[in-house]
C-alpha cells in the first residue's frame, strides 16, 4: 500500500448540462481552476456512451476491456479520483452505477459518456498531498501513485543588495 496525506481545499458545486461529456467536462473544469488532485461525486442522468464493465479475461495482461453501451437515459451515482496524468493535466478515474427500469450496470465511465438532462458534481480539492497517475506497462493503465511525502512548499528568497 502507498499513501499520501493531504487536506480538503476548495469545494466546487458543478452542474453538467444535457449532452455534456464525462469525464471530459470535469477534467477541463479542474484544469481551468487549478485542481490537480481531488475527489468527484456525481449524481444525475447519463444518456449515452460506453461503460467498461470489466476485463474480458481476468488472468490476461494487459486486459481487454468489456464495453457495454448506455442505451437510453439512466440514473447515475458515481465517485472518482482526480490526479495528474503523464502530461501533468488532471485525469479523472470515475466508476458509477447506472440504473434503468430496475436493472443496474456498474463500471468505469469512459470519455464520451454523455449527461442526460443534468449531472450534479461535487468536486473536493485535495491540497498538500502528492500523487500522480503513472503508466503501468503490465496492465496498460495509468495507476494512481501516491508519494509517501507531501510536496514541500516552494520557498523563494529575495536577496537585496
C-alpha atoms as a PDB file:
ATOM      1  CA  UNK A   1       0.000   0.000   0.000  1.00  0.00           C
ATOM      2  CA  UNK A   2       1.120   3.553  -0.712  1.00  0.00           C
ATOM      3  CA  UNK A   3      -0.367   6.728   0.721  1.00  0.00           C
ATOM      4  CA  UNK A   4      -0.067  10.486   0.916  1.00  0.00           C
ATOM      5  CA  UNK A   5      -1.727  12.760   3.453  1.00  0.00           C
ATOM      6  CA  UNK A   6      -3.427  15.992   2.493  1.00  0.00           C
ATOM      7  CA  UNK A   7      -6.274  18.292   3.413  1.00  0.00           C
ATOM      8  CA  UNK A   8      -9.531  19.286   1.790  1.00  0.00           C
ATOM      9  CA  UNK A   9      -9.032  22.540  -0.068  1.00  0.00           C
ATOM     10  CA  UNK A  10     -11.736  24.220  -2.115  1.00  0.00           C
ATOM     11  CA  UNK A  11     -15.080  22.550  -2.741  1.00  0.00           C
ATOM     12  CA  UNK A  12     -16.841  23.126  -6.070  1.00  0.00           C
ATOM     13  CA  UNK A  13     -20.513  22.552  -6.878  1.00  0.00           C
ATOM     14  CA  UNK A  14     -20.821  21.859 -10.618  1.00  0.00           C
ATOM     15  CA  UNK A  15     -23.862  21.362 -12.814  1.00  0.00           C
ATOM     16  CA  UNK A  16     -23.313  19.422 -16.015  1.00  0.00           C
ATOM     17  CA  UNK A  17     -25.969  20.057 -18.635  1.00  0.00           C
ATOM     18  CA  UNK A  18     -27.664  17.841 -21.206  1.00  0.00           C
ATOM     19  CA  UNK A  19     -25.070  16.376 -23.583  1.00  0.00           C
ATOM     20  CA  UNK A  20     -22.011  17.383 -21.520  1.00  0.00           C
ATOM     21  CA  UNK A  21     -19.477  14.562 -21.508  1.00  0.00           C
ATOM     22  CA  UNK A  22     -17.971  12.795 -18.521  1.00  0.00           C
ATOM     23  CA  UNK A  23     -15.158  12.704 -17.521  1.00  0.00           C
ATOM     24  CA  UNK A  24     -14.070  15.374 -20.050  1.00  0.00           C
ATOM     25  CA  UNK A  25     -16.081  18.271 -18.580  1.00  0.00           C
ATOM     26  CA  UNK A  26     -14.890  17.585 -15.028  1.00  0.00           C
ATOM     27  CA  UNK A  27     -11.249  17.294 -16.142  1.00  0.00           C
ATOM     28  CA  UNK A  28     -11.499  20.536 -18.117  1.00  0.00           C
ATOM     29  CA  UNK A  29     -13.118  22.331 -15.157  1.00  0.00           C
ATOM     30  CA  UNK A  30     -10.376  21.042 -12.840  1.00  0.00           C
ATOM     31  CA  UNK A  31      -7.629  22.206 -15.181  1.00  0.00           C
ATOM     32  CA  UNK A  32      -9.193  25.650 -15.649  1.00  0.00           C
ATOM     33  CA  UNK A  33      -9.468  26.048 -11.865  1.00  0.00           C
ATOM     34  CA  UNK A  34      -6.059  24.640 -10.950  1.00  0.00           C
ATOM     35  CA  UNK A  35      -7.363  21.482  -9.245  1.00  0.00           C
ATOM     36  CA  UNK A  36      -4.805  18.737  -9.778  1.00  0.00           C
ATOM     37  CA  UNK A  37      -5.781  16.260  -7.036  1.00  0.00           C
ATOM     38  CA  UNK A  38      -9.281  15.632  -5.753  1.00  0.00           C
ATOM     39  CA  UNK A  39     -12.400  13.541  -5.418  1.00  0.00           C
ATOM     40  CA  UNK A  40     -15.542  13.883  -7.520  1.00  0.00           C
ATOM     41  CA  UNK A  41     -19.027  12.697  -6.644  1.00  0.00           C
ATOM     42  CA  UNK A  42     -21.604  12.544  -9.460  1.00  0.00           C
ATOM     43  CA  UNK A  43     -25.387  12.121  -9.386  1.00  0.00           C
ATOM     44  CA  UNK A  44     -27.904  12.686 -12.171  1.00  0.00           C
ATOM     45  CA  UNK A  45     -28.534  11.142 -15.549  1.00  0.00           C
ATOM     46  CA  UNK A  46     -26.424   9.517 -18.257  1.00  0.00           C
ATOM     47  CA  UNK A  47     -27.840   9.215 -21.774  1.00  0.00           C
ATOM     48  CA  UNK A  48     -25.168   7.678 -23.986  1.00  0.00           C
ATOM     49  CA  UNK A  49     -21.663   6.358 -24.396  1.00  0.00           C
ATOM     50  CA  UNK A  50     -19.952   3.203 -23.176  1.00  0.00           C
ATOM     51  CA  UNK A  51     -19.071   1.825 -19.756  1.00  0.00           C
ATOM     52  CA  UNK A  52     -16.183  -0.550 -19.025  1.00  0.00           C
ATOM     53  CA  UNK A  53     -17.719  -3.463 -17.127  1.00  0.00           C
ATOM     54  CA  UNK A  54     -14.582  -5.497 -16.520  1.00  0.00           C
ATOM     55  CA  UNK A  55     -11.778  -7.260 -18.307  1.00  0.00           C
ATOM     56  CA  UNK A  56     -12.747  -9.945 -20.809  1.00  0.00           C
ATOM     57  CA  UNK A  57     -10.320 -12.373 -19.095  1.00  0.00           C
ATOM     58  CA  UNK A  58      -9.158 -11.797 -15.509  1.00  0.00           C
ATOM     59  CA  UNK A  59      -5.816 -13.560 -15.968  1.00  0.00           C
ATOM     60  CA  UNK A  60      -4.683 -11.777 -19.152  1.00  0.00           C
ATOM     61  CA  UNK A  61      -2.373  -8.729 -19.129  1.00  0.00           C
ATOM     62  CA  UNK A  62      -2.820  -6.195 -20.443  1.00  0.00           C
ATOM     63  CA  UNK A  63      -6.555  -6.731 -20.006  1.00  0.00           C
ATOM     64  CA  UNK A  64      -9.004  -6.394 -22.871  1.00  0.00           C
ATOM     65  CA  UNK A  65     -11.886  -4.230 -21.607  1.00  0.00           C
ATOM     66  CA  UNK A  66     -15.507  -5.283 -21.979  1.00  0.00           C
ATOM     67  CA  UNK A  67     -17.621  -2.305 -23.022  1.00  0.00           C
ATOM     68  CA  UNK A  68     -21.376  -2.007 -22.714  1.00  0.00           C
ATOM     69  CA  UNK A  69     -23.305   0.751 -24.474  1.00  0.00           C
ATOM     70  CA  UNK A  70     -25.540   3.050 -22.454  1.00  0.00           C
ATOM     71  CA  UNK A  71     -28.842   2.583 -24.257  1.00  0.00           C
ATOM     72  CA  UNK A  72     -31.172   5.415 -23.270  1.00  0.00           C
ATOM     73  CA  UNK A  73     -31.433   7.549 -20.153  1.00  0.00           C
ATOM     74  CA  UNK A  74     -30.067   6.021 -16.928  1.00  0.00           C
ATOM     75  CA  UNK A  75     -29.892   7.305 -13.380  1.00  0.00           C
ATOM     76  CA  UNK A  76     -26.270   7.593 -12.213  1.00  0.00           C
ATOM     77  CA  UNK A  77     -24.356   7.684  -8.931  1.00  0.00           C
ATOM     78  CA  UNK A  78     -20.579   7.746  -9.220  1.00  0.00           C
ATOM     79  CA  UNK A  79     -17.350   8.556  -7.452  1.00  0.00           C
ATOM     80  CA  UNK A  80     -13.916   9.252  -8.864  1.00  0.00           C
ATOM     81  CA  UNK A  81     -10.344  10.250  -8.084  1.00  0.00           C
ATOM     82  CA  UNK A  82      -8.693  13.134  -9.930  1.00  0.00           C
ATOM     83  CA  UNK A  83      -4.891  13.153 -10.270  1.00  0.00           C
ATOM     84  CA  UNK A  84      -2.366  14.493 -12.770  1.00  0.00           C
ATOM     85  CA  UNK A  85      -1.560  12.175 -15.669  1.00  0.00           C
ATOM     86  CA  UNK A  86       1.703  11.736 -17.524  1.00  0.00           C
ATOM     87  CA  UNK A  87       1.284  15.088 -19.281  1.00  0.00           C
ATOM     88  CA  UNK A  88       0.605  16.906 -15.997  1.00  0.00           C
ATOM     89  CA  UNK A  89      -3.085  17.529 -16.748  1.00  0.00           C
ATOM     90  CA  UNK A  90      -5.818  16.280 -14.359  1.00  0.00           C
ATOM     91  CA  UNK A  91      -7.246  12.852 -15.203  1.00  0.00           C
ATOM     92  CA  UNK A  92     -10.476  11.596 -13.611  1.00  0.00           C
ATOM     93  CA  UNK A  93     -10.887   7.869 -12.970  1.00  0.00           C
ATOM     94  CA  UNK A  94     -14.597   7.529 -12.212  1.00  0.00           C
ATOM     95  CA  UNK A  95     -16.759   4.477 -11.560  1.00  0.00           C
ATOM     96  CA  UNK A  96     -20.529   4.636 -11.415  1.00  0.00           C
ATOM     97  CA  UNK A  97     -23.696   2.635 -11.067  1.00  0.00           C
ATOM     98  CA  UNK A  98     -26.233   3.329 -13.816  1.00  0.00           C
ATOM     99  CA  UNK A  99     -29.821   2.202 -13.426  1.00  0.00           C
ATOM    100  CA  UNK A 100     -32.828   1.976 -15.713  1.00  0.00           C
ATOM    101  CA  UNK A 101     -36.088   0.091 -15.357  1.00  0.00           C
ATOM    102  CA  UNK A 102     -34.919  -1.954 -12.356  1.00  0.00           C
ATOM    103  CA  UNK A 103     -31.619  -3.015 -13.939  1.00  0.00           C
ATOM    104  CA  UNK A 104     -28.202  -1.746 -12.881  1.00  0.00           C
ATOM    105  CA  UNK A 105     -24.896  -1.592 -14.725  1.00  0.00           C
ATOM    106  CA  UNK A 106     -21.726  -0.684 -12.831  1.00  0.00           C
ATOM    107  CA  UNK A 107     -18.377   0.223 -14.317  1.00  0.00           C
ATOM    108  CA  UNK A 108     -15.811   2.799 -15.372  1.00  0.00           C
ATOM    109  CA  UNK A 109     -17.166   5.805 -17.284  1.00  0.00           C
ATOM    110  CA  UNK A 110     -15.075   6.309 -20.403  1.00  0.00           C
ATOM    111  CA  UNK A 111     -14.615   9.570 -22.269  1.00  0.00           C
ATOM    112  CA  UNK A 112     -17.698  10.306 -24.319  1.00  0.00           C
ATOM    113  CA  UNK A 113     -20.314   9.225 -21.769  1.00  0.00           C
ATOM    114  CA  UNK A 114     -22.927  11.964 -22.060  1.00  0.00           C
ATOM    115  CA  UNK A 115     -25.112  13.609 -19.459  1.00  0.00           C
ATOM    116  CA  UNK A 116     -28.867  13.192 -19.828  1.00  0.00           C
ATOM    117  CA  UNK A 117     -30.634  16.424 -18.738  1.00  0.00           C
ATOM    118  CA  UNK A 118     -28.412  17.076 -15.692  1.00  0.00           C
ATOM    119  CA  UNK A 119     -25.381  15.837 -13.812  1.00  0.00           C
ATOM    120  CA  UNK A 120     -24.559  17.233 -10.384  1.00  0.00           C
ATOM    121  CA  UNK A 121     -20.932  17.066  -9.280  1.00  0.00           C
ATOM    122  CA  UNK A 122     -19.268  17.930  -6.001  1.00  0.00           C
ATOM    123  CA  UNK A 123     -15.516  18.272  -6.560  1.00  0.00           C
ATOM    124  CA  UNK A 124     -13.333  18.234  -3.442  1.00  0.00           C
ATOM    125  CA  UNK A 125      -9.844  19.599  -3.992  1.00  0.00           C
ATOM    126  CA  UNK A 126      -7.080  17.850  -2.035  1.00  0.00           C
ATOM    127  CA  UNK A 127      -4.118  20.017  -1.075  1.00  0.00           C
ATOM    128  CA  UNK A 128      -0.769  19.130   0.489  1.00  0.00           C
ATOM    129  CA  UNK A 129      -0.766  15.558  -0.838  1.00  0.00           C
ATOM    130  CA  UNK A 130       1.466  14.326  -3.651  1.00  0.00           C
ATOM    131  CA  UNK A 131       0.106  11.848  -6.199  1.00  0.00           C
ATOM    132  CA  UNK A 132       0.059  11.307  -9.940  1.00  0.00           C
ATOM    133  CA  UNK A 133      -1.017   8.732 -12.499  1.00  0.00           C
ATOM    134  CA  UNK A 134       1.876   6.634 -13.800  1.00  0.00           C
ATOM    135  CA  UNK A 135       1.659   4.265 -16.775  1.00  0.00           C
ATOM    136  CA  UNK A 136       1.965   0.625 -15.699  1.00  0.00           C
ATOM    137  CA  UNK A 137       3.402  -1.419 -18.574  1.00  0.00           C
ATOM    138  CA  UNK A 138       1.933  -4.735 -17.363  1.00  0.00           C
ATOM    139  CA  UNK A 139      -1.689  -3.537 -17.241  1.00  0.00           C
ATOM    140  CA  UNK A 140      -1.615  -0.609 -19.661  1.00  0.00           C
ATOM    141  CA  UNK A 141      -3.362   1.504 -17.001  1.00  0.00           C
ATOM    142  CA  UNK A 142      -2.324   4.887 -15.649  1.00  0.00           C
ATOM    143  CA  UNK A 143      -2.284   3.882 -11.984  1.00  0.00           C
ATOM    144  CA  UNK A 144      -2.541   6.272  -9.045  1.00  0.00           C
ATOM    145  CA  UNK A 145       0.887   6.667  -7.464  1.00  0.00           C
ATOM    146  CA  UNK A 146       0.735   8.461  -4.087  1.00  0.00           C
ATOM    147  CA  UNK A 147       4.012   9.718  -2.683  1.00  0.00           C
ATOM    148  CA  UNK A 148       4.864   8.966   0.921  1.00  0.00           C
ATOM    149  CA  UNK A 149       5.991  12.549   1.435  1.00  0.00           C
ATOM    150  CA  UNK A 150       3.853  15.564   0.618  1.00  0.00           C
ATOM    151  CA  UNK A 151       5.326  18.060  -1.796  1.00  0.00           C
ATOM    152  CA  UNK A 152       7.282  20.606   0.259  1.00  0.00           C
ATOM    153  CA  UNK A 153       6.178  24.211  -0.204  1.00  0.00           C
ATOM    154  CA  UNK A 154       8.231  26.266  -2.623  1.00  0.00           C
ATOM    155  CA  UNK A 155      10.130  28.977  -0.742  1.00  0.00           C
ATOM    156  CA  UNK A 156      11.569  31.792  -2.768  1.00  0.00           C
ATOM    157  CA  UNK A 157      14.158  34.014  -1.140  1.00  0.00           C
ATOM    158  CA  UNK A 158      14.673  37.549  -2.321  1.00  0.00           C
ATOM    159  CA  UNK A 159      18.226  38.776  -1.998  1.00  0.00           C
ATOM    160  CA  UNK A 160      18.577  42.508  -1.507  1.00  0.00           C
ATOM    161  CA  UNK A 161      21.768  44.487  -2.089  1.00  0.00           C
END
